[in-house]
C-alpha atoms as a PDB file:
ATOM      1  CA  MET A   1      10.865  34.312 -12.736  1.00  0.00           C
ATOM      2  CA  THR A   2      11.882  30.858 -11.328  1.00  0.00           C
ATOM      3  CA  THR A   3      10.587  28.091  -9.273  1.00  0.00           C
ATOM      4  CA  LEU A   4      12.155  25.380  -7.445  1.00  0.00           C
ATOM      5  CA  VAL A   5      10.007  22.310  -6.648  1.00  0.00           C
ATOM      6  CA  VAL A   6      11.392  19.760  -3.921  1.00  0.00           C
ATOM      7  CA  ASP A   7      10.496  16.354  -3.558  1.00  0.00           C
ATOM      8  CA  ALA A   8      10.611  16.406   0.299  1.00  0.00           C
ATOM      9  CA  ALA A   9      10.143  12.454   0.756  1.00  0.00           C
ATOM     10  CA  ASN A  10      12.793  11.843  -1.927  1.00  0.00           C
ATOM     11  CA  VAL A  11      15.408  13.984  -0.968  1.00  0.00           C
ATOM     12  CA  VAL A  12      15.270  13.292   3.003  1.00  0.00           C
ATOM     13  CA  GLY A  13      15.203   9.455   1.886  1.00  0.00           C
ATOM     14  CA  SER A  14      18.004   9.872  -0.066  1.00  0.00           C
ATOM     15  CA  ARG A  15      20.875  10.197   2.518  1.00  0.00           C
ATOM     16  CA  PRO A  16      21.137   6.978   5.312  1.00  0.00           C
ATOM     17  CA  ASP A  17      21.070   9.234   8.426  1.00  0.00           C
ATOM     18  CA  GLY A  18      18.316   7.690  10.419  1.00  0.00           C
ATOM     19  CA  TRP A  19      15.629   9.598   8.786  1.00  0.00           C
ATOM     20  CA  TRP A  20      13.421   6.661   9.182  1.00  0.00           C
ATOM     21  CA  ASN A  21      13.254   6.901  12.859  1.00  0.00           C
ATOM     22  CA  ASP A  22      12.043  10.332  12.730  1.00  0.00           C
ATOM     23  CA  ARG A  23      10.275  11.152   9.402  1.00  0.00           C
ATOM     24  CA  ALA A  24       8.402  14.660  10.591  1.00  0.00           C
ATOM     25  CA  GLY A  25      11.899  15.562  12.263  1.00  0.00           C
ATOM     26  CA  ALA A  26      13.944  15.128   9.106  1.00  0.00           C
ATOM     27  CA  THR A  27      11.679  16.696   6.813  1.00  0.00           C
ATOM     28  CA  ARG A  28      11.408  20.189   9.381  1.00  0.00           C
ATOM     29  CA  ARG A  29      15.470  20.134   9.528  1.00  0.00           C
ATOM     30  CA  LEU A  30      15.008  20.145   5.182  1.00  0.00           C
ATOM     31  CA  HIS A  31      12.553  22.670   5.725  1.00  0.00           C
ATOM     32  CA  GLU A  32      14.621  24.901   7.951  1.00  0.00           C
ATOM     33  CA  ARG A  33      17.729  24.713   5.816  1.00  0.00           C
ATOM     34  CA  LEU A  34      15.511  25.803   2.835  1.00  0.00           C
ATOM     35  CA  MET A  35      14.613  28.626   4.544  1.00  0.00           C
ATOM     36  CA  VAL A  36      17.550  30.203   5.199  1.00  0.00           C
ATOM     37  CA  ALA A  37      18.883  28.880   2.053  1.00  0.00           C
ATOM     38  CA  ASP A  38      20.584  31.200  -0.821  1.00  0.00           C
ATOM     39  CA  LEU A  39      19.171  29.727  -3.605  1.00  0.00           C
ATOM     40  CA  PRO A  40      18.821  31.206  -7.260  1.00  0.00           C
ATOM     41  CA  TYR A  41      15.189  30.855  -7.324  1.00  0.00           C
ATOM     42  CA  ASP A  42      12.373  33.137  -6.660  1.00  0.00           C
ATOM     43  CA  GLU A  43      10.144  30.617  -5.302  1.00  0.00           C
ATOM     44  CA  VAL A  44      10.936  27.422  -3.412  1.00  0.00           C
ATOM     45  CA  VAL A  45       8.009  25.009  -3.279  1.00  0.00           C
ATOM     46  CA  LEU A  46       8.624  22.085  -0.606  1.00  0.00           C
ATOM     47  CA  VAL A  47       5.999  19.021  -1.354  1.00  0.00           C
ATOM     48  CA  LEU A  48       5.333  17.342   2.052  1.00  0.00           C
ATOM     49  CA  GLU A  49       3.377  14.002   2.059  1.00  0.00           C
ATOM     50  CA  GLY A  50       2.184  11.253   4.614  1.00  0.00           C
ATOM     51  CA  GLN A  51       3.645  11.540   8.245  1.00  0.00           C
ATOM     52  CA  ALA A  52       6.084  14.376   7.098  1.00  0.00           C
ATOM     53  CA  ARG A  53       3.229  16.729   6.675  1.00  0.00           C
ATOM     54  CA  GLY A  54       3.582  17.224  10.723  1.00  0.00           C
ATOM     55  CA  ALA A  55       6.844  18.902   9.989  1.00  0.00           C
ATOM     56  CA  ALA A  56       5.606  22.184   8.519  1.00  0.00           C
ATOM     57  CA  ARG A  57       2.451  24.107   8.037  1.00  0.00           C
ATOM     58  CA  VAL A  58       0.899  24.856   4.791  1.00  0.00           C
ATOM     59  CA  GLY A  59       1.498  28.625   3.641  1.00  0.00           C
ATOM     60  CA  ARG A  60       4.373  30.733   2.740  1.00  0.00           C
ATOM     61  CA  ASP A  61       7.340  31.749   4.759  1.00  0.00           C
ATOM     62  CA  GLY A  62       9.266  34.117   2.782  1.00  0.00           C
ATOM     63  CA  HIS A  63      10.650  32.805  -0.750  1.00  0.00           C
ATOM     64  CA  LEU A  64       9.623  29.317   0.480  1.00  0.00           C
ATOM     65  CA  ARG A  65       6.181  27.770   0.064  1.00  0.00           C
ATOM     66  CA  THR A  66       5.257  24.601   1.739  1.00  0.00           C
ATOM     67  CA  VAL A  67       2.386  22.202   0.111  1.00  0.00           C
ATOM     68  CA  HIS A  68       0.700  19.170   1.993  1.00  0.00           C
ATOM     69  CA  ALA A  69       0.085  16.533  -0.570  1.00  0.00           C
ATOM     70  CA  PRO A  70      -3.412  15.023  -0.249  1.00  0.00           C
ATOM     71  CA  GLY A  71      -2.237  11.566  -1.059  1.00  0.00           C
ATOM     72  CA  GLU A  72       0.501  10.451  -3.275  1.00  0.00           C
ATOM     73  CA  GLY A  73       3.367  13.118  -3.289  1.00  0.00           C
ATOM     74  CA  ASP A  74       4.216  12.777  -6.952  1.00  0.00           C
ATOM     75  CA  ASP A  75       0.602  14.107  -8.469  1.00  0.00           C
ATOM     76  CA  THR A  76       1.149  16.981  -6.190  1.00  0.00           C
ATOM     77  CA  ILE A  77       4.620  17.825  -7.553  1.00  0.00           C
ATOM     78  CA  VAL A  78       3.773  17.313 -11.108  1.00  0.00           C
ATOM     79  CA  ALA A  79       0.815  19.685 -10.374  1.00  0.00           C
ATOM     80  CA  GLN A  80       2.665  22.404  -8.669  1.00  0.00           C
ATOM     81  CA  ALA A  81       5.390  22.039 -11.565  1.00  0.00           C
ATOM     82  CA  LYS A  82       2.685  22.515 -14.192  1.00  0.00           C
ATOM     83  CA  LEU A  83       0.785  25.498 -12.627  1.00  0.00           C
ATOM     84  CA  ALA A  84       4.284  27.093 -12.592  1.00  0.00           C
ATOM     85  CA  VAL A  85       4.873  26.437 -15.880  1.00  0.00           C
ATOM     86  CA  GLY A  86       1.520  27.670 -16.913  1.00  0.00           C
ATOM     87  CA  GLN A  87       2.705  30.917 -15.401  1.00  0.00           C
ATOM     88  CA  GLY A  88       5.381  31.453 -17.385  1.00  0.00           C
ATOM     89  CA  ARG A  89       7.953  30.355 -15.094  1.00  0.00           C
ATOM     90  CA  ARG A  90      11.222  28.344 -15.503  1.00  0.00           C
ATOM     91  CA  VAL A  91      10.748  25.466 -13.126  1.00  0.00           C
ATOM     92  CA  THR A  92      13.291  22.863 -11.590  1.00  0.00           C
ATOM     93  CA  VAL A  93      12.287  19.956  -9.600  1.00  0.00           C
ATOM     94  CA  VAL A  94      14.514  18.180  -7.107  1.00  0.00           C
ATOM     95  CA  THR A  95      13.865  14.481  -7.085  1.00  0.00           C
ATOM     96  CA  ALA A  96      15.473  11.170  -8.156  1.00  0.00           C
ATOM     97  CA  ASP A  97      12.723   9.449  -8.989  1.00  0.00           C
ATOM     98  CA  ARG A  98      13.107   8.730 -12.734  1.00  0.00           C
ATOM     99  CA  MET A  99       9.316   8.169 -13.101  1.00  0.00           C
ATOM    100  CA  LEU A 100       8.739  11.544 -11.520  1.00  0.00           C
ATOM    101  CA  GLN A 101      11.861  13.150 -13.756  1.00  0.00           C
ATOM    102  CA  ALA A 102       9.797  11.895 -16.530  1.00  0.00           C
ATOM    103  CA  ARG A 103       6.189  13.291 -15.611  1.00  0.00           C
ATOM    104  CA  VAL A 104       7.340  16.681 -14.794  1.00  0.00           C
ATOM    105  CA  GLY A 105       9.928  16.847 -17.776  1.00  0.00           C
ATOM    106  CA  GLY A 106       6.295  16.058 -19.651  1.00  0.00           C
ATOM    107  CA  VAL A 107       4.817  19.591 -18.569  1.00  0.00           C
ATOM    108  CA  GLY A 108       7.791  21.458 -19.049  1.00  0.00           C
ATOM    109  CA  ALA A 109      10.120  21.550 -16.095  1.00  0.00           C
ATOM    110  CA  GLN A 110      13.482  20.120 -15.687  1.00  0.00           C
ATOM    111  CA  ALA A 111      14.647  17.577 -13.008  1.00  0.00           C
ATOM    112  CA  LEU A 112      17.880  17.661 -10.613  1.00  0.00           C
ATOM    113  CA  GLY A 113      18.767  15.038  -7.792  1.00  0.00           C
ATOM    114  CA  PRO A 114      18.925  15.490  -4.082  1.00  0.00           C
ATOM    115  CA  SER A 115      23.012  15.388  -4.211  1.00  0.00           C
ATOM    116  CA  TRP A 116      22.272  18.797  -6.069  1.00  0.00           C
ATOM    117  CA  LEU A 117      20.277  20.620  -4.014  1.00  0.00           C
ATOM    118  CA  PHE A 118      22.250  19.341  -0.775  1.00  0.00           C
ATOM    119  CA  ASP A 119      25.396  20.711  -2.661  1.00  0.00           C
ATOM    120  CA  GLN A 120      23.469  24.238  -2.435  1.00  0.00           C
ATOM    121  CA  LEU A 121      22.687  24.068   1.035  1.00  0.00           C
END
């Protein structure tokens, strides 16, 4: 089983397309794209923080599960990766944040950058 954990804030923020004018809207568009994407993962976990939490409700929509970070998104991303690794899953985290990449590597996940995800979408 495989899990992809997506750092929504980092992925949305990786492209200067005006997302800062409507953070929730930009995150909603990412959520919609992930819902219909044919990704090679059994589960996709989208972690939302701050104002972007208004973009999608918590829960599962098919293969996509949305999680709202209660505070710092990085802590929730690491927790989701650690949980999935603990369940014996192969886990990939999408983020360009090097500190976060190191943290998820420490729990047994690999990391890929936002450009990889955009290429898949």
